[in-house]
N, C-alpha and C. Protein backbone atom coordinates (compact mmCIF):
# COMPACT_ATOMS: atom_id res chain seq x y z
N MET A 1 -135.79 14.31 36.40
CA MET A 1 -136.97 13.82 37.21
C MET A 1 -136.84 12.39 37.16
N ALA A 2 -137.03 11.72 38.29
CA ALA A 2 -137.04 10.29 38.45
C ALA A 2 -138.25 9.67 37.82
N ALA A 3 -138.10 8.52 37.19
CA ALA A 3 -139.23 7.82 36.55
C ALA A 3 -140.02 7.11 37.69
N GLY A 4 -141.34 6.93 37.46
CA GLY A 4 -142.22 6.29 38.41
C GLY A 4 -142.10 4.78 38.24
N LEU A 5 -143.09 4.10 38.89
CA LEU A 5 -143.07 2.65 38.79
C LEU A 5 -143.53 2.24 37.45
N THR A 6 -143.00 1.21 36.94
CA THR A 6 -143.51 0.64 35.70
C THR A 6 -144.74 -0.24 36.05
N LYS A 7 -145.46 -0.67 35.09
CA LYS A 7 -146.65 -1.54 35.34
C LYS A 7 -146.21 -2.87 36.02
N THR A 8 -145.12 -3.42 35.64
CA THR A 8 -144.62 -4.65 36.15
C THR A 8 -144.23 -4.47 37.56
N GLN A 9 -143.55 -3.35 37.87
CA GLN A 9 -143.12 -3.02 39.25
C GLN A 9 -144.32 -2.88 40.16
N LEU A 10 -145.33 -2.15 39.67
CA LEU A 10 -146.52 -1.92 40.42
C LEU A 10 -147.29 -3.18 40.64
N VAL A 11 -147.39 -4.14 39.68
CA VAL A 11 -148.02 -5.43 39.84
C VAL A 11 -147.27 -6.24 40.90
N ARG A 12 -145.93 -6.27 40.81
CA ARG A 12 -145.10 -6.98 41.83
C ARG A 12 -145.36 -6.49 43.18
N HIS A 13 -145.35 -5.13 43.32
CA HIS A 13 -145.52 -4.47 44.65
C HIS A 13 -146.89 -4.80 45.22
N LEU A 14 -147.99 -4.73 44.45
CA LEU A 14 -149.24 -5.07 44.92
C LEU A 14 -149.44 -6.56 45.34
N ALA A 15 -148.80 -7.37 44.52
CA ALA A 15 -148.83 -8.82 44.77
C ALA A 15 -148.09 -9.11 46.11
N GLU A 16 -147.00 -8.46 46.39
CA GLU A 16 -146.24 -8.69 47.61
C GLU A 16 -147.02 -8.16 48.85
N LYS A 17 -147.57 -6.96 48.76
CA LYS A 17 -148.21 -6.36 49.86
C LYS A 17 -149.54 -7.08 50.24
N THR A 18 -150.26 -7.61 49.22
CA THR A 18 -151.52 -8.24 49.43
C THR A 18 -151.38 -9.74 49.56
N GLU A 19 -150.22 -10.33 49.36
CA GLU A 19 -149.91 -11.78 49.36
C GLU A 19 -150.78 -12.56 48.35
N ILE A 20 -150.80 -12.09 47.16
CA ILE A 20 -151.41 -12.71 46.01
C ILE A 20 -150.41 -12.96 44.87
N SER A 21 -150.85 -13.65 43.89
CA SER A 21 -149.91 -13.90 42.71
C SER A 21 -149.78 -12.61 41.85
N ASN A 22 -148.78 -12.55 41.11
CA ASN A 22 -148.55 -11.48 40.19
C ASN A 22 -149.70 -11.49 39.13
N LYS A 23 -150.12 -12.64 38.74
CA LYS A 23 -151.19 -12.76 37.72
C LYS A 23 -152.47 -12.24 38.28
N THR A 24 -152.80 -12.46 39.54
CA THR A 24 -154.01 -11.95 40.14
C THR A 24 -153.94 -10.46 40.30
N ALA A 25 -152.80 -9.99 40.69
CA ALA A 25 -152.60 -8.49 40.88
C ALA A 25 -152.74 -7.76 39.51
N ALA A 26 -152.21 -8.37 38.44
CA ALA A 26 -152.28 -7.77 37.15
C ALA A 26 -153.69 -7.79 36.67
N ALA A 27 -154.45 -8.90 36.91
CA ALA A 27 -155.85 -8.96 36.48
C ALA A 27 -156.64 -7.87 37.23
N PHE A 28 -156.35 -7.71 38.59
CA PHE A 28 -157.12 -6.65 39.32
C PHE A 28 -156.79 -5.26 38.79
N LEU A 29 -155.55 -4.95 38.49
CA LEU A 29 -155.22 -3.67 37.89
C LEU A 29 -155.88 -3.40 36.50
N GLU A 30 -155.93 -4.45 35.65
CA GLU A 30 -156.64 -4.35 34.34
C GLU A 30 -158.10 -4.16 34.60
N GLU A 31 -158.77 -4.82 35.47
CA GLU A 31 -160.15 -4.72 35.73
C GLU A 31 -160.46 -3.30 36.28
N LEU A 32 -159.61 -2.74 37.15
CA LEU A 32 -159.84 -1.44 37.73
C LEU A 32 -159.80 -0.41 36.61
N ALA A 33 -158.85 -0.57 35.69
CA ALA A 33 -158.75 0.39 34.57
C ALA A 33 -160.00 0.22 33.67
N ASP A 34 -160.37 -0.99 33.35
CA ASP A 34 -161.63 -1.18 32.58
C ASP A 34 -162.84 -0.55 33.21
N VAL A 35 -163.07 -0.75 34.47
CA VAL A 35 -164.25 -0.24 35.15
C VAL A 35 -164.18 1.25 35.19
N ALA A 36 -162.91 1.86 35.40
CA ALA A 36 -162.82 3.29 35.45
C ALA A 36 -163.23 3.92 34.10
N VAL A 37 -162.78 3.33 32.97
CA VAL A 37 -163.15 3.82 31.69
C VAL A 37 -164.63 3.68 31.42
N LYS A 38 -165.15 2.58 31.69
CA LYS A 38 -166.64 2.32 31.39
C LYS A 38 -167.50 3.27 32.29
N GLU A 39 -167.21 3.35 33.51
CA GLU A 39 -168.02 4.19 34.42
C GLU A 39 -167.92 5.73 34.10
N THR A 40 -166.66 6.14 33.77
CA THR A 40 -166.58 7.47 33.39
C THR A 40 -167.23 7.83 32.08
N LYS A 41 -167.22 6.88 31.09
CA LYS A 41 -167.94 7.03 29.90
C LYS A 41 -169.46 7.09 30.13
N LYS A 42 -169.94 6.19 30.91
CA LYS A 42 -171.37 6.05 31.17
C LYS A 42 -171.95 7.16 32.06
N ASN A 43 -171.30 7.39 33.27
CA ASN A 43 -171.84 8.30 34.23
C ASN A 43 -171.22 9.67 34.33
N GLY A 44 -170.03 9.82 33.63
CA GLY A 44 -169.35 11.07 33.67
C GLY A 44 -168.34 11.19 34.83
N VAL A 45 -168.31 10.28 35.75
CA VAL A 45 -167.39 10.37 36.82
C VAL A 45 -167.05 8.98 37.40
N PHE A 46 -165.85 8.79 37.87
CA PHE A 46 -165.36 7.55 38.51
C PHE A 46 -164.50 7.91 39.71
N VAL A 47 -164.83 7.47 40.85
CA VAL A 47 -164.05 7.84 42.09
C VAL A 47 -163.26 6.76 42.55
N VAL A 48 -161.94 6.96 42.79
CA VAL A 48 -160.98 6.07 43.47
C VAL A 48 -160.87 6.65 44.84
N PRO A 49 -161.55 6.07 45.86
CA PRO A 49 -161.44 6.66 47.19
C PRO A 49 -160.07 6.82 47.72
N GLY A 50 -159.81 8.07 48.25
CA GLY A 50 -158.45 8.39 48.73
C GLY A 50 -157.42 8.84 47.73
N LEU A 51 -157.80 8.67 46.42
CA LEU A 51 -156.78 9.00 45.37
C LEU A 51 -157.40 10.20 44.57
N GLY A 52 -158.55 10.06 43.99
CA GLY A 52 -159.16 11.13 43.17
C GLY A 52 -160.31 10.60 42.34
N ARG A 53 -160.65 11.45 41.40
CA ARG A 53 -161.79 11.08 40.53
C ARG A 53 -161.43 11.41 39.07
N LEU A 54 -161.96 10.53 38.17
CA LEU A 54 -161.92 10.81 36.72
C LEU A 54 -163.23 11.44 36.38
N VAL A 55 -163.14 12.59 35.68
CA VAL A 55 -164.34 13.35 35.32
C VAL A 55 -164.33 13.56 33.83
N LYS A 56 -165.47 13.31 33.28
CA LYS A 56 -165.65 13.65 31.86
C LYS A 56 -166.18 15.07 31.73
N ALA A 57 -165.54 15.94 30.93
CA ALA A 57 -165.97 17.34 30.85
C ALA A 57 -166.01 17.80 29.42
N HIS A 58 -166.89 18.72 29.16
CA HIS A 58 -167.05 19.32 27.79
C HIS A 58 -166.31 20.57 27.69
N ARG A 59 -165.43 20.70 26.69
CA ARG A 59 -164.73 21.90 26.42
C ARG A 59 -165.38 22.63 25.23
N LYS A 60 -165.71 23.87 25.41
CA LYS A 60 -166.40 24.72 24.42
C LYS A 60 -165.51 25.01 23.20
N ALA A 61 -166.15 25.32 22.13
CA ALA A 61 -165.39 25.79 20.94
C ALA A 61 -164.74 27.11 21.27
N ARG A 62 -163.61 27.36 20.72
CA ARG A 62 -162.94 28.61 20.96
C ARG A 62 -161.98 29.02 19.85
N ILE A 63 -161.52 30.26 19.88
CA ILE A 63 -160.56 30.80 18.95
C ILE A 63 -159.19 30.57 19.53
N GLY A 64 -158.24 29.99 18.80
CA GLY A 64 -156.92 29.82 19.18
C GLY A 64 -155.96 30.46 18.18
N ARG A 65 -154.67 30.33 18.33
CA ARG A 65 -153.67 30.93 17.45
C ARG A 65 -152.73 29.84 16.98
N ASN A 66 -152.43 29.85 15.68
CA ASN A 66 -151.36 29.12 15.13
C ASN A 66 -150.02 29.73 15.67
N PRO A 67 -149.22 28.93 16.44
CA PRO A 67 -148.03 29.49 17.06
C PRO A 67 -146.94 29.93 16.04
N GLN A 68 -146.94 29.32 14.85
CA GLN A 68 -145.94 29.66 13.77
C GLN A 68 -146.33 30.94 13.14
N THR A 69 -147.57 31.16 12.75
CA THR A 69 -147.93 32.27 11.92
C THR A 69 -148.71 33.38 12.75
N GLY A 70 -149.28 32.97 13.99
CA GLY A 70 -150.06 33.87 14.74
C GLY A 70 -151.45 33.99 14.23
N GLU A 71 -151.80 33.26 13.20
CA GLU A 71 -153.12 33.40 12.49
C GLU A 71 -154.17 32.78 13.47
N PRO A 72 -155.34 33.44 13.74
CA PRO A 72 -156.39 32.86 14.48
C PRO A 72 -156.98 31.57 13.84
N ILE A 73 -157.24 30.50 14.54
CA ILE A 73 -157.91 29.40 14.07
C ILE A 73 -159.02 28.99 15.01
N GLN A 74 -159.99 28.31 14.41
CA GLN A 74 -161.25 27.81 15.20
C GLN A 74 -160.87 26.46 15.79
N ILE A 75 -160.99 26.30 17.06
CA ILE A 75 -160.77 25.09 17.71
C ILE A 75 -162.13 24.51 18.07
N LYS A 76 -162.48 23.36 17.66
CA LYS A 76 -163.80 22.63 17.81
C LYS A 76 -164.01 22.29 19.29
N ALA A 77 -165.34 22.24 19.68
CA ALA A 77 -165.76 21.82 20.99
C ALA A 77 -165.39 20.27 21.12
N LYS A 78 -165.09 19.89 22.27
CA LYS A 78 -164.79 18.40 22.36
C LYS A 78 -164.95 17.91 23.80
N THR A 79 -165.01 16.68 24.00
CA THR A 79 -165.20 16.08 25.38
C THR A 79 -163.75 15.65 25.81
N VAL A 80 -163.38 15.95 27.02
CA VAL A 80 -162.05 15.58 27.57
C VAL A 80 -162.21 14.91 28.82
N VAL A 81 -161.21 14.25 29.29
CA VAL A 81 -161.31 13.52 30.65
C VAL A 81 -160.22 14.23 31.55
N LYS A 82 -160.61 14.55 32.78
CA LYS A 82 -159.72 15.19 33.63
C LYS A 82 -159.62 14.30 34.92
N PHE A 83 -158.51 14.39 35.62
CA PHE A 83 -158.32 13.67 36.87
C PHE A 83 -158.19 14.73 38.01
N ARG A 84 -159.14 14.64 38.95
CA ARG A 84 -159.01 15.56 40.10
C ARG A 84 -158.56 14.89 41.29
N VAL A 85 -157.43 15.23 41.83
CA VAL A 85 -156.84 14.61 43.05
C VAL A 85 -157.67 14.89 44.25
N ALA A 86 -157.75 13.79 45.10
CA ALA A 86 -158.52 13.93 46.35
C ALA A 86 -157.70 14.77 47.30
N LYS A 87 -158.43 15.50 48.19
CA LYS A 87 -157.75 16.36 49.13
C LYS A 87 -156.81 15.56 50.05
N ALA A 88 -157.16 14.39 50.50
CA ALA A 88 -156.32 13.59 51.36
C ALA A 88 -154.96 13.24 50.63
N ALA A 89 -155.07 12.89 49.37
CA ALA A 89 -153.77 12.57 48.60
C ALA A 89 -153.05 13.84 48.38
N LYS A 90 -153.69 14.91 48.04
CA LYS A 90 -152.96 16.22 47.83
C LYS A 90 -152.20 16.65 49.10
N ASP A 91 -152.91 16.53 50.30
CA ASP A 91 -152.25 16.93 51.54
C ASP A 91 -151.13 15.98 51.91
N ALA A 92 -151.23 14.68 51.59
CA ALA A 92 -150.17 13.77 51.90
C ALA A 92 -148.90 13.98 50.97
N ILE A 93 -149.18 14.29 49.72
CA ILE A 93 -148.07 14.51 48.80
C ILE A 93 -147.43 15.82 48.94
N ALA A 94 -148.17 16.92 49.01
CA ALA A 94 -147.65 18.26 49.12
C ALA A 94 -148.39 19.00 50.24
N PRO A 95 -147.92 18.74 51.50
CA PRO A 95 -148.65 19.44 52.63
C PRO A 95 -148.43 20.92 52.61
N LYS A 96 -149.47 21.62 53.12
CA LYS A 96 -149.36 23.07 53.20
C LYS A 96 -148.34 23.44 54.30
N LYS A 97 -147.64 24.51 54.04
CA LYS A 97 -146.64 24.98 55.03
C LYS A 97 -147.22 25.89 56.12
């Protein structure tokens, strides 16, 4: 499987497309990540229009199995973060046949 863009490549691409400096593009990317984390933590959801949304979800406690011994173990409840892809992005990447 081919590797995706590195952070440096992404910053360079954004800078070229928007005709700004690499430093400004990197600052924008960092700020977007910071806002996404803060808003998801505070409100439980952060939407990136056209791309998707970060959603904070609660996972209930459950019984699992130790894969080596098959012994049942208790898995604690916890909060997780999920990314839900927007329909427009999903259709553009993997169109229905």
